Amino acid sequence: MTMAISEKEYKELKEYWDYQRKVEYNKEKVYYMAEKFDGRMVTEYGTVPLNELQEMMWSKINPKDYDDPPKGYIPENPDYRLWNELWPPALDVKKALDDDYNLQRS
């Protein structure tokens, strides 16, 4: 069973957890962008499965290019949530990304 990061753990290793959450935010962003290409990436062997596309795109991201998570971001992965964060979050990161890139949900 996964557990949120306790207040004590967070305070003891704040920089570590803040960075892990930053990585998680960027990974979620890339995986969501990959979903926009699902079924559209084709090789000579057929359609590229979504999980492979997500991993391929994520492997190309340089950590120095990571964006900071917006205020109110709560990770989808409960292992990176703080003790005081409730799911689902008030901030819809995917909607914010769609708005930023002028995309419509399909």
C-alpha atoms as a PDB file:
ATOM      1  CA  MET A   1       0.000   0.000   0.000  1.00  0.00           C
ATOM      2  CA  THR A   2       1.319   3.426  -0.897  1.00  0.00           C
ATOM      3  CA  MET A   3       1.447   6.206   1.619  1.00  0.00           C
ATOM      4  CA  ALA A   4       1.771   9.934   1.374  1.00  0.00           C
ATOM      5  CA  ILE A   5       4.959  11.629   2.500  1.00  0.00           C
ATOM      6  CA  SER A   6       4.622  12.356   6.203  1.00  0.00           C
ATOM      7  CA  GLU A   7       5.121  15.850   7.557  1.00  0.00           C
ATOM      8  CA  LYS A   8       8.202  14.659   9.468  1.00  0.00           C
ATOM      9  CA  GLU A   9       9.759  13.028   6.372  1.00  0.00           C
ATOM     10  CA  TYR A  10       9.048  16.114   4.290  1.00  0.00           C
ATOM     11  CA  LYS A  11      10.598  18.524   6.781  1.00  0.00           C
ATOM     12  CA  GLU A  12      13.684  16.339   7.212  1.00  0.00           C
ATOM     13  CA  LEU A  13      14.273  15.989   3.451  1.00  0.00           C
ATOM     14  CA  LYS A  14      12.431  18.964   1.976  1.00  0.00           C
ATOM     15  CA  GLU A  15      14.832  19.604  -0.928  1.00  0.00           C
ATOM     16  CA  TYR A  16      14.816  15.925  -1.870  1.00  0.00           C
ATOM     17  CA  TRP A  17      11.011  15.648  -1.848  1.00  0.00           C
ATOM     18  CA  ASP A  18      10.551  18.947  -3.662  1.00  0.00           C
ATOM     19  CA  TYR A  19      12.834  17.688  -6.422  1.00  0.00           C
ATOM     20  CA  GLN A  20      11.096  14.294  -6.603  1.00  0.00           C
ATOM     21  CA  ARG A  21       7.760  16.074  -6.965  1.00  0.00           C
ATOM     22  CA  LYS A  22       9.243  18.309  -9.676  1.00  0.00           C
ATOM     23  CA  VAL A  23      10.377  15.226 -11.587  1.00  0.00           C
ATOM     24  CA  GLU A  24       6.945  13.651 -11.146  1.00  0.00           C
ATOM     25  CA  TYR A  25       5.218  16.803 -12.431  1.00  0.00           C
ATOM     26  CA  ASN A  26       7.365  16.870 -15.557  1.00  0.00           C
ATOM     27  CA  LYS A  27       6.877  13.162 -16.152  1.00  0.00           C
ATOM     28  CA  GLU A  28       3.109  13.583 -15.880  1.00  0.00           C
ATOM     29  CA  LYS A  29       3.296  16.454 -18.392  1.00  0.00           C
ATOM     30  CA  VAL A  30       5.284  14.412 -20.905  1.00  0.00           C
ATOM     31  CA  TYR A  31       3.083  11.344 -20.481  1.00  0.00           C
ATOM     32  CA  TYR A  32      -0.014  13.476 -21.013  1.00  0.00           C
ATOM     33  CA  MET A  33       1.494  15.012 -24.161  1.00  0.00           C
ATOM     34  CA  ALA A  34       2.245  11.506 -25.416  1.00  0.00           C
ATOM     35  CA  GLU A  35      -1.435  10.611 -24.957  1.00  0.00           C
ATOM     36  CA  LYS A  36      -2.207  13.216 -27.629  1.00  0.00           C
ATOM     37  CA  PHE A  37      -0.222  11.067 -30.100  1.00  0.00           C
ATOM     38  CA  ASP A  38      -1.709   7.740 -29.035  1.00  0.00           C
ATOM     39  CA  GLY A  39      -2.492   5.666 -32.118  1.00  0.00           C
ATOM     40  CA  ARG A  40      -0.832   8.181 -34.434  1.00  0.00           C
ATOM     41  CA  MET A  41       2.791   7.058 -34.178  1.00  0.00           C
ATOM     42  CA  VAL A  42       3.414   4.276 -36.657  1.00  0.00           C
ATOM     43  CA  THR A  43       6.582   2.404 -37.580  1.00  0.00           C
ATOM     44  CA  GLU A  44       7.148  -0.362 -40.082  1.00  0.00           C
ATOM     45  CA  TYR A  45       6.075  -2.720 -37.277  1.00  0.00           C
ATOM     46  CA  GLY A  46       2.760  -1.012 -36.618  1.00  0.00           C
ATOM     47  CA  THR A  47       1.393   1.488 -34.135  1.00  0.00           C
ATOM     48  CA  VAL A  48       3.722   2.399 -31.265  1.00  0.00           C
ATOM     49  CA  PRO A  49       2.084   1.418 -27.959  1.00  0.00           C
ATOM     50  CA  LEU A  50       1.309   4.371 -25.695  1.00  0.00           C
ATOM     51  CA  ASN A  51       3.567   3.193 -22.860  1.00  0.00           C
ATOM     52  CA  GLU A  52       6.535   2.930 -25.261  1.00  0.00           C
ATOM     53  CA  LEU A  53       5.815   6.365 -26.692  1.00  0.00           C
ATOM     54  CA  GLN A  54       5.611   7.840 -23.199  1.00  0.00           C
ATOM     55  CA  GLU A  55       8.909   6.269 -22.138  1.00  0.00           C
ATOM     56  CA  MET A  56      10.600   7.294 -25.387  1.00  0.00           C
ATOM     57  CA  MET A  57       9.514  10.923 -24.971  1.00  0.00           C
ATOM     58  CA  TRP A  58      10.407  10.988 -21.263  1.00  0.00           C
ATOM     59  CA  SER A  59      13.901   9.650 -21.964  1.00  0.00           C
ATOM     60  CA  LYS A  60      14.572  12.687 -24.186  1.00  0.00           C
ATOM     61  CA  ILE A  61      13.879  15.278 -21.489  1.00  0.00           C
ATOM     62  CA  ASN A  62      16.956  16.817 -19.899  1.00  0.00           C
ATOM     63  CA  PRO A  63      16.558  17.477 -16.162  1.00  0.00           C
ATOM     64  CA  LYS A  64      17.887  21.006 -16.634  1.00  0.00           C
ATOM     65  CA  ASP A  65      14.782  21.682 -18.736  1.00  0.00           C
ATOM     66  CA  TYR A  66      12.297  20.644 -16.050  1.00  0.00           C
ATOM     67  CA  ASP A  67       9.527  23.102 -15.246  1.00  0.00           C
ATOM     68  CA  ASP A  68       8.584  23.882 -11.676  1.00  0.00           C
ATOM     69  CA  PRO A  69       5.171  22.530 -10.716  1.00  0.00           C
ATOM     70  CA  PRO A  70       2.452  25.160 -10.425  1.00  0.00           C
ATOM     71  CA  LYS A  71       1.117  26.153  -7.028  1.00  0.00           C
ATOM     72  CA  GLY A  72      -1.579  23.682  -6.043  1.00  0.00           C
ATOM     73  CA  TYR A  73      -0.066  20.755  -7.979  1.00  0.00           C
ATOM     74  CA  ILE A  74      -0.728  17.357  -6.407  1.00  0.00           C
ATOM     75  CA  PRO A  75       0.993  14.320  -7.964  1.00  0.00           C
ATOM     76  CA  GLU A  76      -1.142  11.547  -9.444  1.00  0.00           C
ATOM     77  CA  ASN A  77       1.212   9.023  -7.829  1.00  0.00           C
ATOM     78  CA  PRO A  78       0.251   8.819  -4.137  1.00  0.00           C
ATOM     79  CA  ASP A  79       3.891   8.050  -3.218  1.00  0.00           C
ATOM     80  CA  TYR A  80       4.730  11.713  -3.917  1.00  0.00           C
ATOM     81  CA  ARG A  81       1.733  13.339  -2.237  1.00  0.00           C
ATOM     82  CA  LEU A  82       2.169  15.192   1.014  1.00  0.00           C
ATOM     83  CA  TRP A  83       0.376  14.219   4.214  1.00  0.00           C
ATOM     84  CA  ASN A  84      -2.035  17.151   3.812  1.00  0.00           C
ATOM     85  CA  GLU A  85      -2.931  16.760   0.127  1.00  0.00           C
ATOM     86  CA  LEU A  86      -6.293  15.364  -0.898  1.00  0.00           C
ATOM     87  CA  TRP A  87      -7.126  13.584  -4.140  1.00  0.00           C
ATOM     88  CA  PRO A  88      -8.600  14.625  -6.516  1.00  0.00           C
ATOM     89  CA  PRO A  89      -6.906  18.022  -6.534  1.00  0.00           C
ATOM     90  CA  ALA A  90      -8.639  21.346  -7.095  1.00  0.00           C
ATOM     91  CA  LEU A  91      -6.061  22.193  -9.787  1.00  0.00           C
ATOM     92  CA  ASP A  92      -6.627  20.242 -13.006  1.00  0.00           C
ATOM     93  CA  VAL A  93      -3.093  20.158 -14.430  1.00  0.00           C
ATOM     94  CA  LYS A  94      -4.202  18.459 -17.643  1.00  0.00           C
ATOM     95  CA  LYS A  95      -6.800  21.141 -18.320  1.00  0.00           C
ATOM     96  CA  ALA A  96      -4.180  23.810 -17.603  1.00  0.00           C
ATOM     97  CA  LEU A  97      -1.832  22.156 -20.108  1.00  0.00           C
ATOM     98  CA  ASP A  98      -4.596  21.999 -22.713  1.00  0.00           C
ATOM     99  CA  ASP A  99      -5.294  25.677 -22.121  1.00  0.00           C
ATOM    100  CA  ASP A 100      -1.576  26.548 -22.334  1.00  0.00           C
ATOM    101  CA  TYR A 101      -1.198  24.753 -25.644  1.00  0.00           C
ATOM    102  CA  ASN A 102      -4.687  25.676 -26.908  1.00  0.00           C
ATOM    103  CA  LEU A 103      -5.621  22.004 -27.137  1.00  0.00           C
ATOM    104  CA  GLN A 104      -8.977  20.361 -26.842  1.00  0.00           C
ATOM    105  CA  ARG A 105      -9.506  17.087 -25.075  1.00  0.00           C
ATOM    106  CA  SER A 106     -10.293  14.279 -27.455  1.00  0.00           C
END
